[in-house]
Amino acid sequence: MPHVPVVVVGAGHCGLATSRHLAARSIDHVVLERGEVANSWRTERWDSLRLLTPNWLSRLPGQAYAGDDPDGYMTVREVVEYITAYAADAPVRTNTTVRTVRQSGAGFLVETDDGSWTADAVVVASGACNAPSLPAVSAELPADVPSLTAWGYRNPDQVPEGGVLVVGAAASGIQIADELLRAGRDVTVAVGEHVRVPRRYRGADILWWMEEAGVLGEPWTEMDDLVRARSIPSMQLTGGGGTLDLNALTARGARLVGRLQTIRDRRLLFSGSLRNVCALADLKLERLLDTLDAWALETGVDAPPPERFPRTAVPDDPVTELDLARDGIRSVLWATGYRAELSWLEAPVLNPRGRLIHDGGVTRVPGLYLMGMPFLRRRKSTLIDGADADARDLTEHLAAHLDAVVRGEGVAAAG
């Protein structure tokens, strides 16, 4: 059975960024990928999706965007090509599915469908979005009502004719709702907590402002409520095409309702908190813009004057109940988020919900690390641009762990 100091699970941008930093330290390793490089982008994204970050922000260690459209947004195909080119010199074994990772002696046993390895350290970089996260209420939907998830959605042709209930108003929910509206569908959006931002602000992409003002780089150690920070929905953004928020959807004919609470006798019952949820999102948007304006004033940035945006338009008396038949709801699309699929990880690091417990990517099991999860070490940890700094930090910790193993002096402390 071959031995390698480090096994990296996953050849997406996070796994490959880790590989690049390991190689820079001359640490021998292998990257195991169940499909092809950038597999999630190849197989788990809808057809029209574009990267939510502008091209200039698609930076990886040793590689930056070099095309002729730095302010554009990559298509799925372009993202696959970008990541695949980055993997050219990495020790990747594709079409190798990891079946089990478990502790073995002072290290790990990694079993795959194409042989096994022993390793001193393992980096889990298999992705945060490789399975849909469904709410309990999804089990109450009558069996004869077609439904699918944002994870499985590809284009409007998959959705039956008639009205569609889109459950969720984060990035995936609003983008799919918008595409269904443009395809002529009658769309109702069930709105829960969401993060509203404009695509552009004061002459530049909103992410330029958040990057330059230090918002995207905020470290996990400075969060008052880290658990909440890691569970905040993705920003309401789309790759190009201007601002896409709830106002844009209602202008195109969408109906807004509150969070879906239960389904009873073919009736959909919604929370009455729609107005409060939208008001909170509007308030947080204003606070973000205040932060950016204060930074601009302090640093003397040459930009157009501050802007403010209309409040979210909510009906005076929001609907709290819909009848599937009477109101023409023929299908449901669950845009309720994603989760990591870690059933293959046999180590005492998962909480009852199956989420990996860690401290900035360092787990309680010496030598076991995590990459690519929301707010892993910084607010931008799940962005392509966030992988570099996180991988650098964790590789430094991992290298210290390997040195300690070689010296027989125990393991490096977490942090």
Protein backbone atom coordinates (compact mmCIF):
# COMPACT_ATOMS: atom_id res chain seq x y z
CA MET A 1 0.00 0.00 0.00
CA PRO A 2 1.62 3.29 -1.07
CA HIS A 3 2.27 6.06 1.46
CA VAL A 4 2.13 9.77 0.70
CA PRO A 5 2.58 12.56 3.27
CA VAL A 6 -0.63 14.39 2.25
CA VAL A 7 -3.83 13.38 0.49
CA VAL A 8 -6.04 16.20 -0.79
CA VAL A 9 -9.63 15.15 -1.49
CA GLY A 10 -11.14 17.20 -4.31
CA ALA A 11 -9.70 18.87 -7.43
CA GLY A 12 -11.78 22.00 -7.42
CA HIS A 13 -10.19 25.40 -6.93
CA CYS A 14 -9.70 24.87 -3.18
CA GLY A 15 -7.99 21.52 -3.53
CA LEU A 16 -5.79 22.81 -6.33
CA ALA A 17 -4.85 25.96 -4.38
CA THR A 18 -3.82 23.71 -1.49
CA SER A 19 -1.81 21.55 -3.90
CA ARG A 20 0.02 24.64 -5.21
CA HIS A 21 1.03 25.71 -1.70
CA LEU A 22 2.10 22.18 -0.78
CA ALA A 23 4.24 22.00 -3.91
CA ALA A 24 5.83 25.36 -3.05
CA ARG A 25 7.02 23.75 0.19
CA SER A 26 8.14 20.58 -1.62
CA ILE A 27 5.59 18.51 0.32
CA ASP A 28 4.76 15.32 -1.57
CA HIS A 29 1.02 14.83 -2.02
CA VAL A 30 -1.74 13.51 -4.25
CA VAL A 31 -5.07 15.11 -5.17
CA LEU A 32 -7.93 12.62 -5.52
CA GLU A 33 -10.94 13.61 -7.62
CA ARG A 34 -14.11 11.51 -8.06
CA GLY A 35 -14.72 12.90 -11.56
CA GLU A 36 -12.77 15.30 -13.72
CA VAL A 37 -11.06 18.48 -12.52
CA ALA A 38 -13.70 21.07 -11.53
CA ASN A 39 -16.24 18.24 -11.39
CA SER A 40 -18.91 20.23 -9.54
CA TRP A 41 -18.82 22.94 -12.19
CA ARG A 42 -19.09 20.30 -14.91
CA THR A 43 -21.99 18.33 -13.43
CA GLU A 44 -23.82 20.31 -10.74
CA ARG A 45 -24.54 23.75 -12.19
CA TRP A 46 -27.39 25.04 -14.34
CA ASP A 47 -26.78 25.89 -17.97
CA SER A 48 -26.99 29.68 -17.87
CA LEU A 49 -25.08 30.20 -14.63
CA ARG A 50 -22.23 32.67 -14.58
CA LEU A 51 -19.66 33.15 -11.86
CA LEU A 52 -20.92 35.72 -9.35
CA THR A 53 -17.50 37.32 -9.01
CA PRO A 54 -15.94 39.48 -11.76
CA ASN A 55 -13.10 37.92 -13.71
CA TRP A 56 -10.40 40.05 -12.12
CA LEU A 57 -11.35 38.54 -8.76
CA SER A 58 -10.76 34.99 -10.03
CA ARG A 59 -7.28 34.77 -8.57
CA LEU A 60 -5.52 31.58 -7.51
CA PRO A 61 -2.00 31.17 -6.09
CA GLY A 62 0.34 31.74 -9.02
CA GLN A 63 -2.45 32.44 -11.51
CA ALA A 64 -4.59 35.49 -12.22
CA TYR A 65 -7.15 36.19 -14.92
CA ALA A 66 -5.30 37.18 -18.09
CA GLY A 67 -8.19 37.53 -20.55
CA ASP A 68 -9.52 40.62 -22.27
CA ASP A 69 -12.68 41.04 -20.14
CA PRO A 70 -11.59 41.59 -16.53
CA ASP A 71 -14.94 43.09 -15.57
CA GLY A 72 -16.97 40.26 -17.11
CA TYR A 73 -18.28 37.10 -15.46
CA MET A 74 -17.22 33.61 -16.53
CA THR A 75 -19.70 31.10 -17.89
CA VAL A 76 -19.70 27.58 -16.49
CA ARG A 77 -17.61 26.40 -19.44
CA GLU A 78 -15.09 29.20 -18.91
CA VAL A 79 -14.78 28.39 -15.20
CA VAL A 80 -14.12 24.73 -16.04
CA GLU A 81 -11.45 25.75 -18.57
CA TYR A 82 -9.85 28.17 -16.10
CA ILE A 83 -9.61 25.63 -13.29
CA THR A 84 -8.55 22.82 -15.64
CA ALA A 85 -5.67 24.91 -16.96
CA TYR A 86 -4.62 25.63 -13.38
CA ALA A 87 -4.47 21.89 -12.64
CA ALA A 88 -2.02 21.14 -15.46
CA ASP A 89 0.99 20.54 -13.20
CA ALA A 90 -0.84 19.26 -10.12
CA PRO A 91 -0.56 15.57 -9.05
CA VAL A 92 -4.26 14.89 -9.66
CA ARG A 93 -5.77 11.43 -9.99
CA THR A 94 -9.15 11.88 -11.68
CA ASN A 95 -12.06 9.43 -11.69
CA THR A 96 -10.94 8.19 -8.29
CA THR A 97 -13.75 8.13 -5.74
CA VAL A 98 -12.76 8.28 -2.08
CA ARG A 99 -14.83 5.71 -0.23
CA THR A 100 -13.40 6.06 3.27
CA VAL A 101 -10.99 8.25 5.20
CA ARG A 102 -10.27 7.08 8.72
CA GLN A 103 -7.54 7.31 11.30
CA SER A 104 -4.90 4.61 11.17
CA GLY A 105 -2.12 4.70 13.72
CA ALA A 106 -0.67 8.21 13.79
CA GLY A 107 -2.03 8.99 10.33
CA PHE A 108 -4.86 8.07 7.98
CA LEU A 109 -6.02 5.29 5.71
CA VAL A 110 -7.62 6.59 2.50
CA GLU A 111 -9.59 3.94 0.59
CA THR A 112 -10.79 4.60 -2.95
CA ASP A 113 -12.34 2.64 -5.80
CA ASP A 114 -8.86 2.51 -7.33
CA GLY A 115 -6.64 1.46 -4.45
CA SER A 116 -5.72 2.78 -1.02
CA TRP A 117 -3.12 5.09 0.48
CA THR A 118 -1.77 5.82 3.91
CA ALA A 119 -1.06 9.46 4.71
CA ASP A 120 0.21 11.64 7.53
CA ALA A 121 -2.36 14.34 6.76
CA VAL A 122 -5.59 14.73 4.79
CA VAL A 123 -7.13 17.94 3.42
CA VAL A 124 -10.88 17.72 2.80
CA ALA A 125 -11.52 20.00 -0.19
CA SER A 126 -14.46 18.13 -1.66
CA GLY A 127 -16.76 21.14 -1.70
CA ALA A 128 -19.47 22.84 0.33
CA CYS A 129 -22.18 22.52 -2.31
CA ASN A 130 -22.24 18.92 -3.50
CA ALA A 131 -25.66 17.99 -2.15
CA PRO A 132 -28.93 19.92 -1.77
CA SER A 133 -30.00 21.02 1.69
CA LEU A 134 -33.75 20.51 2.01
CA PRO A 135 -35.97 21.84 4.81
CA ALA A 136 -38.19 19.46 6.76
CA VAL A 137 -41.29 20.93 5.09
CA SER A 138 -40.16 19.45 1.76
CA ALA A 139 -41.31 16.03 3.01
CA GLU A 140 -44.87 17.38 3.28
CA LEU A 141 -45.21 18.14 -0.42
CA PRO A 142 -47.78 15.80 -2.01
CA ALA A 143 -46.08 13.05 -4.00
CA ASP A 144 -47.92 13.99 -7.20
CA VAL A 145 -46.52 17.54 -7.23
CA PRO A 146 -43.26 17.61 -9.24
CA SER A 147 -40.28 19.19 -7.52
CA LEU A 148 -36.57 19.60 -8.03
CA THR A 149 -33.69 21.35 -6.32
CA ALA A 150 -31.40 24.15 -7.44
CA TRP A 151 -28.63 21.54 -7.31
CA GLY A 152 -30.42 19.42 -9.94
CA TYR A 153 -31.89 22.28 -12.01
CA ARG A 154 -30.41 22.88 -15.47
CA ASN A 155 -32.94 24.96 -17.46
CA PRO A 156 -36.67 25.87 -17.60
CA ASP A 157 -37.45 22.87 -19.82
CA GLN A 158 -37.13 20.64 -16.74
CA VAL A 159 -39.95 22.49 -14.97
CA PRO A 160 -43.54 21.43 -15.78
CA GLU A 161 -45.85 23.96 -17.39
CA GLY A 162 -47.86 26.10 -15.00
CA GLY A 163 -47.09 28.06 -11.89
CA VAL A 164 -43.83 27.45 -10.01
CA LEU A 165 -43.11 28.03 -6.34
CA VAL A 166 -39.43 28.86 -5.83
CA VAL A 167 -38.55 28.32 -2.17
CA GLY A 168 -35.56 30.47 -1.23
CA ALA A 169 -34.34 33.95 -2.14
CA ALA A 170 -30.57 33.71 -1.98
CA ALA A 171 -28.39 33.78 -5.11
CA SER A 172 -29.65 30.51 -6.60
CA GLY A 173 -33.31 31.21 -5.86
CA ILE A 174 -33.46 34.66 -7.41
CA GLN A 175 -31.44 33.65 -10.48
CA ILE A 176 -33.60 30.62 -11.21
CA ALA A 177 -36.79 32.57 -10.50
CA ASP A 178 -35.62 35.24 -12.94
CA GLU A 179 -34.88 32.65 -15.62
CA LEU A 180 -38.29 31.04 -15.15
CA LEU A 181 -39.99 34.43 -15.40
CA ARG A 182 -38.15 35.16 -18.64
CA ALA A 183 -39.33 31.78 -19.92
CA GLY A 184 -42.93 32.91 -19.38
CA ARG A 185 -43.66 31.02 -16.19
CA ASP A 186 -45.91 32.23 -13.36
CA VAL A 187 -43.47 32.43 -10.44
CA THR A 188 -44.07 32.74 -6.70
CA VAL A 189 -41.03 33.19 -4.46
CA ALA A 190 -41.11 32.10 -0.81
CA VAL A 191 -38.74 34.52 0.91
CA GLY A 192 -36.76 33.84 4.06
CA GLU A 193 -33.61 35.49 5.34
CA HIS A 194 -31.57 36.96 2.49
CA VAL A 195 -28.66 39.31 1.81
CA ARG A 196 -29.47 42.14 -0.56
CA VAL A 197 -26.67 43.92 -2.45
CA PRO A 198 -26.48 45.88 -5.71
CA ARG A 199 -24.37 44.52 -8.56
CA ARG A 200 -22.59 47.87 -8.89
CA TYR A 201 -22.10 50.72 -6.46
CA ARG A 202 -20.66 54.18 -7.07
CA GLY A 203 -19.21 53.23 -10.44
CA ALA A 204 -17.65 49.86 -9.57
CA ASP A 205 -18.67 46.27 -8.89
CA ILE A 206 -19.93 45.85 -5.33
CA LEU A 207 -17.26 43.18 -4.77
CA TRP A 208 -14.54 45.68 -5.66
CA TRP A 209 -15.80 47.87 -2.85
CA MET A 210 -16.07 44.96 -0.42
CA GLU A 211 -12.59 43.73 -1.32
CA GLU A 212 -10.88 47.11 -1.13
CA ALA A 213 -12.65 48.13 2.08
CA GLY A 214 -11.57 44.88 3.75
CA VAL A 215 -15.05 43.40 4.12
CA LEU A 216 -14.30 40.22 2.17
CA GLY A 217 -11.10 39.69 4.11
CA GLU A 218 -12.66 39.87 7.58
CA PRO A 219 -11.21 36.96 9.60
CA TRP A 220 -13.28 34.32 11.35
CA THR A 221 -11.65 35.22 14.67
CA GLU A 222 -13.35 38.63 14.70
CA MET A 223 -16.93 37.40 14.33
CA ASP A 224 -19.20 37.87 17.36
CA ASP A 225 -21.38 34.95 16.24
CA LEU A 226 -19.34 32.69 14.00
CA VAL A 227 -22.00 29.99 13.74
CA ARG A 228 -24.46 32.52 12.39
CA ALA A 229 -21.86 34.09 10.08
CA ARG A 230 -21.22 30.68 8.52
CA SER A 231 -24.93 30.09 7.91
CA ILE A 232 -25.84 33.43 6.31
CA PRO A 233 -27.35 32.94 2.82
CA SER A 234 -25.33 33.86 -0.24
CA MET A 235 -25.64 37.42 -1.53
CA GLN A 236 -28.38 38.19 -4.06
CA LEU A 237 -26.07 38.53 -7.04
CA THR A 238 -25.98 37.38 -10.63
CA GLY A 239 -23.07 37.25 -13.05
CA GLY A 240 -23.68 40.40 -15.07
CA GLY A 241 -26.96 41.89 -16.18
CA GLY A 242 -27.22 44.43 -13.40
CA THR A 243 -28.80 44.21 -9.96
CA LEU A 244 -31.08 41.24 -9.40
CA ASP A 245 -33.11 41.56 -6.22
CA LEU A 246 -36.71 41.02 -5.14
CA ASN A 247 -37.76 44.34 -6.67
CA ALA A 248 -36.40 43.20 -10.02
CA LEU A 249 -38.39 39.96 -9.74
CA THR A 250 -41.67 41.65 -8.83
CA ALA A 251 -41.18 44.13 -11.68
CA ARG A 252 -41.20 41.10 -13.98
CA GLY A 253 -44.35 39.69 -12.42
CA ALA A 254 -43.19 37.51 -9.55
CA ARG A 255 -45.36 37.16 -6.45
CA LEU A 256 -43.62 37.32 -3.05
CA VAL A 257 -44.74 35.32 -0.04
CA GLY A 258 -43.12 34.61 3.31
CA ARG A 259 -41.12 31.58 4.37
CA LEU A 260 -42.87 28.27 3.66
CA GLN A 261 -43.83 26.87 7.05
CA THR A 262 -46.01 23.84 6.36
CA ILE A 263 -48.14 22.08 3.76
CA ARG A 264 -51.56 20.92 4.88
CA ASP A 265 -54.36 19.40 2.77
CA ARG A 266 -52.64 20.63 -0.41
CA ARG A 267 -52.49 24.13 1.02
CA LEU A 268 -49.18 25.97 1.30
CA LEU A 269 -48.94 27.98 4.53
CA PHE A 270 -46.42 30.81 4.73
CA SER A 271 -44.95 32.87 7.53
CA GLY A 272 -46.36 36.35 8.06
CA SER A 273 -42.85 37.79 8.48
CA LEU A 274 -42.24 38.79 4.85
CA ARG A 275 -42.27 42.52 5.59
CA ASN A 276 -39.91 42.15 8.56
CA VAL A 277 -37.49 39.89 6.68
CA CYS A 278 -37.30 42.33 3.78
CA ALA A 279 -36.95 45.32 6.09
CA LEU A 280 -34.03 43.62 7.84
CA ALA A 281 -32.31 42.92 4.50
CA ASP A 282 -32.80 46.57 3.51
CA LEU A 283 -31.33 47.72 6.82
CA LYS A 284 -28.28 45.51 6.46
CA LEU A 285 -27.75 46.79 2.93
CA GLU A 286 -27.75 50.37 4.21
CA ARG A 287 -25.24 49.44 6.92
CA LEU A 288 -22.94 47.85 4.35
CA LEU A 289 -23.12 50.92 2.12
CA ASP A 290 -22.44 53.15 5.13
CA THR A 291 -19.31 51.09 5.83
CA LEU A 292 -18.14 51.41 2.23
CA ASP A 293 -18.86 55.15 2.16
CA ALA A 294 -16.93 55.67 5.39
CA TRP A 295 -13.94 53.79 3.95
CA ALA A 296 -14.12 55.85 0.74
CA LEU A 297 -14.18 59.09 2.71
CA GLU A 298 -11.29 58.01 4.92
CA THR A 299 -9.09 56.89 2.02
CA GLY A 300 -10.07 59.59 -0.44
CA VAL A 301 -11.30 57.25 -3.15
CA ASP A 302 -12.27 59.08 -6.33
CA ALA A 303 -15.79 57.80 -6.96
CA PRO A 304 -19.27 59.11 -7.72
CA PRO A 305 -21.34 60.26 -4.73
CA PRO A 306 -23.00 57.79 -2.35
CA GLU A 307 -26.17 56.03 -3.50
CA ARG A 308 -29.15 54.54 -1.74
CA PHE A 309 -31.66 52.12 -3.19
CA PRO A 310 -35.45 51.85 -2.93
CA ARG A 311 -36.75 49.68 -0.13
CA THR A 312 -38.02 46.24 -1.08
CA ALA A 313 -41.60 46.57 -2.29
CA VAL A 314 -43.79 44.25 -0.25
CA PRO A 315 -47.60 43.95 -0.48
CA ASP A 316 -49.49 45.66 2.33
CA ASP A 317 -51.22 42.37 3.10
CA PRO A 318 -48.87 39.55 1.99
CA VAL A 319 -50.41 36.21 1.07
CA THR A 320 -50.00 33.61 3.80
CA GLU A 321 -51.84 30.72 2.17
CA LEU A 322 -51.97 29.28 -1.35
CA ASP A 323 -53.96 26.32 -2.61
CA LEU A 324 -51.98 24.17 -5.03
CA ALA A 325 -54.92 23.66 -7.39
CA ARG A 326 -56.79 26.93 -7.01
CA ASP A 327 -53.66 29.08 -7.32
CA GLY A 328 -52.11 27.10 -10.13
CA ILE A 329 -48.95 25.91 -8.39
CA ARG A 330 -47.91 22.96 -10.53
CA SER A 331 -44.34 22.45 -9.28
CA VAL A 332 -41.88 23.46 -6.55
CA LEU A 333 -38.22 24.32 -6.91
CA TRP A 334 -36.24 24.08 -3.67
CA ALA A 335 -33.52 26.75 -3.67
CA THR A 336 -32.84 26.24 0.02
CA GLY A 337 -29.11 25.90 -0.03
CA TYR A 338 -26.47 23.22 -0.26
CA ARG A 339 -24.39 21.08 2.04
CA ALA A 340 -21.15 19.16 1.97
CA GLU A 341 -21.47 15.40 1.47
CA LEU A 342 -19.05 13.88 3.99
CA SER A 343 -20.50 10.43 4.67
CA TRP A 344 -17.16 8.91 3.62
CA LEU A 345 -15.28 10.66 6.42
CA GLU A 346 -14.98 8.28 9.37
CA ALA A 347 -13.52 10.52 12.05
CA PRO A 348 -14.96 12.07 15.23
CA VAL A 349 -15.26 15.53 13.65
CA LEU A 350 -18.88 15.71 12.47
CA ASN A 351 -21.70 17.30 14.45
CA PRO A 352 -25.20 15.73 14.56
CA ARG A 353 -26.11 17.62 11.36
CA GLY A 354 -23.16 16.11 9.49
CA ARG A 355 -21.13 19.31 9.43
CA LEU A 356 -17.42 19.16 10.08
CA ILE A 357 -16.34 20.81 13.33
CA HIS A 358 -13.22 22.91 12.86
CA ASP A 359 -11.32 25.96 13.99
CA GLY A 360 -10.45 27.90 10.86
CA GLY A 361 -10.07 24.66 8.89
CA VAL A 362 -8.09 22.83 11.58
CA THR A 363 -10.04 19.91 13.05
CA ARG A 364 -9.76 18.23 16.43
CA VAL A 365 -8.09 15.24 14.72
CA PRO A 366 -4.38 16.07 14.24
CA GLY A 367 -3.52 16.15 10.56
CA LEU A 368 -7.08 16.50 9.28
CA TYR A 369 -7.88 19.80 7.57
CA LEU A 370 -10.80 21.43 5.78
CA MET A 371 -10.95 23.83 2.84
CA GLY A 372 -13.73 25.66 1.00
CA MET A 373 -16.47 26.02 3.60
CA PRO A 374 -18.37 29.28 4.26
CA PHE A 375 -16.33 31.72 6.35
CA LEU A 376 -13.64 29.07 6.91
CA ARG A 377 -10.99 31.66 7.76
CA ARG A 378 -12.33 34.75 6.01
CA ARG A 379 -15.60 36.08 4.69
CA LYS A 380 -14.43 35.28 1.14
CA SER A 381 -13.42 31.68 1.86
CA THR A 382 -15.89 30.18 -0.62
CA LEU A 383 -14.85 32.52 -3.46
CA ILE A 384 -12.14 31.48 -5.90
CA ASP A 385 -10.11 34.43 -4.64
CA GLY A 386 -10.45 33.25 -1.04
CA ALA A 387 -8.70 29.92 -1.61
CA ASP A 388 -5.18 31.35 -1.80
CA ALA A 389 -4.95 32.86 1.67
CA ASP A 390 -6.82 29.99 3.33
CA ALA A 391 -4.65 27.37 1.63
CA ARG A 392 -1.49 29.26 2.56
CA ASP A 393 -2.49 29.44 6.23
CA LEU A 394 -3.51 25.79 6.44
CA THR A 395 -0.43 24.58 4.56
CA GLU A 396 1.72 26.38 7.09
CA HIS A 397 -0.09 24.61 9.92
CA LEU A 398 0.05 21.30 8.05
CA ALA A 399 3.80 21.64 7.45
CA ALA A 400 4.35 22.17 11.17
CA HIS A 401 2.27 19.05 11.84
CA LEU A 402 4.40 17.00 9.42
CA ASP A 403 7.61 18.28 11.01
CA ALA A 404 6.31 17.28 14.44
CA VAL A 405 5.40 13.83 13.14
CA VAL A 406 8.91 13.34 11.70
CA ARG A 407 10.51 14.46 14.95
CA GLY A 408 8.14 12.31 16.98
CA GLU A 409 7.26 15.31 19.09
CA GLY A 410 3.47 15.15 18.87
CA VAL A 411 1.41 17.41 16.67
CA ALA A 412 0.93 21.10 16.05
CA ALA A 413 -1.72 22.90 18.07
CA ALA A 414 -4.98 23.94 16.47
CA GLY A 415 -5.53 27.52 15.32
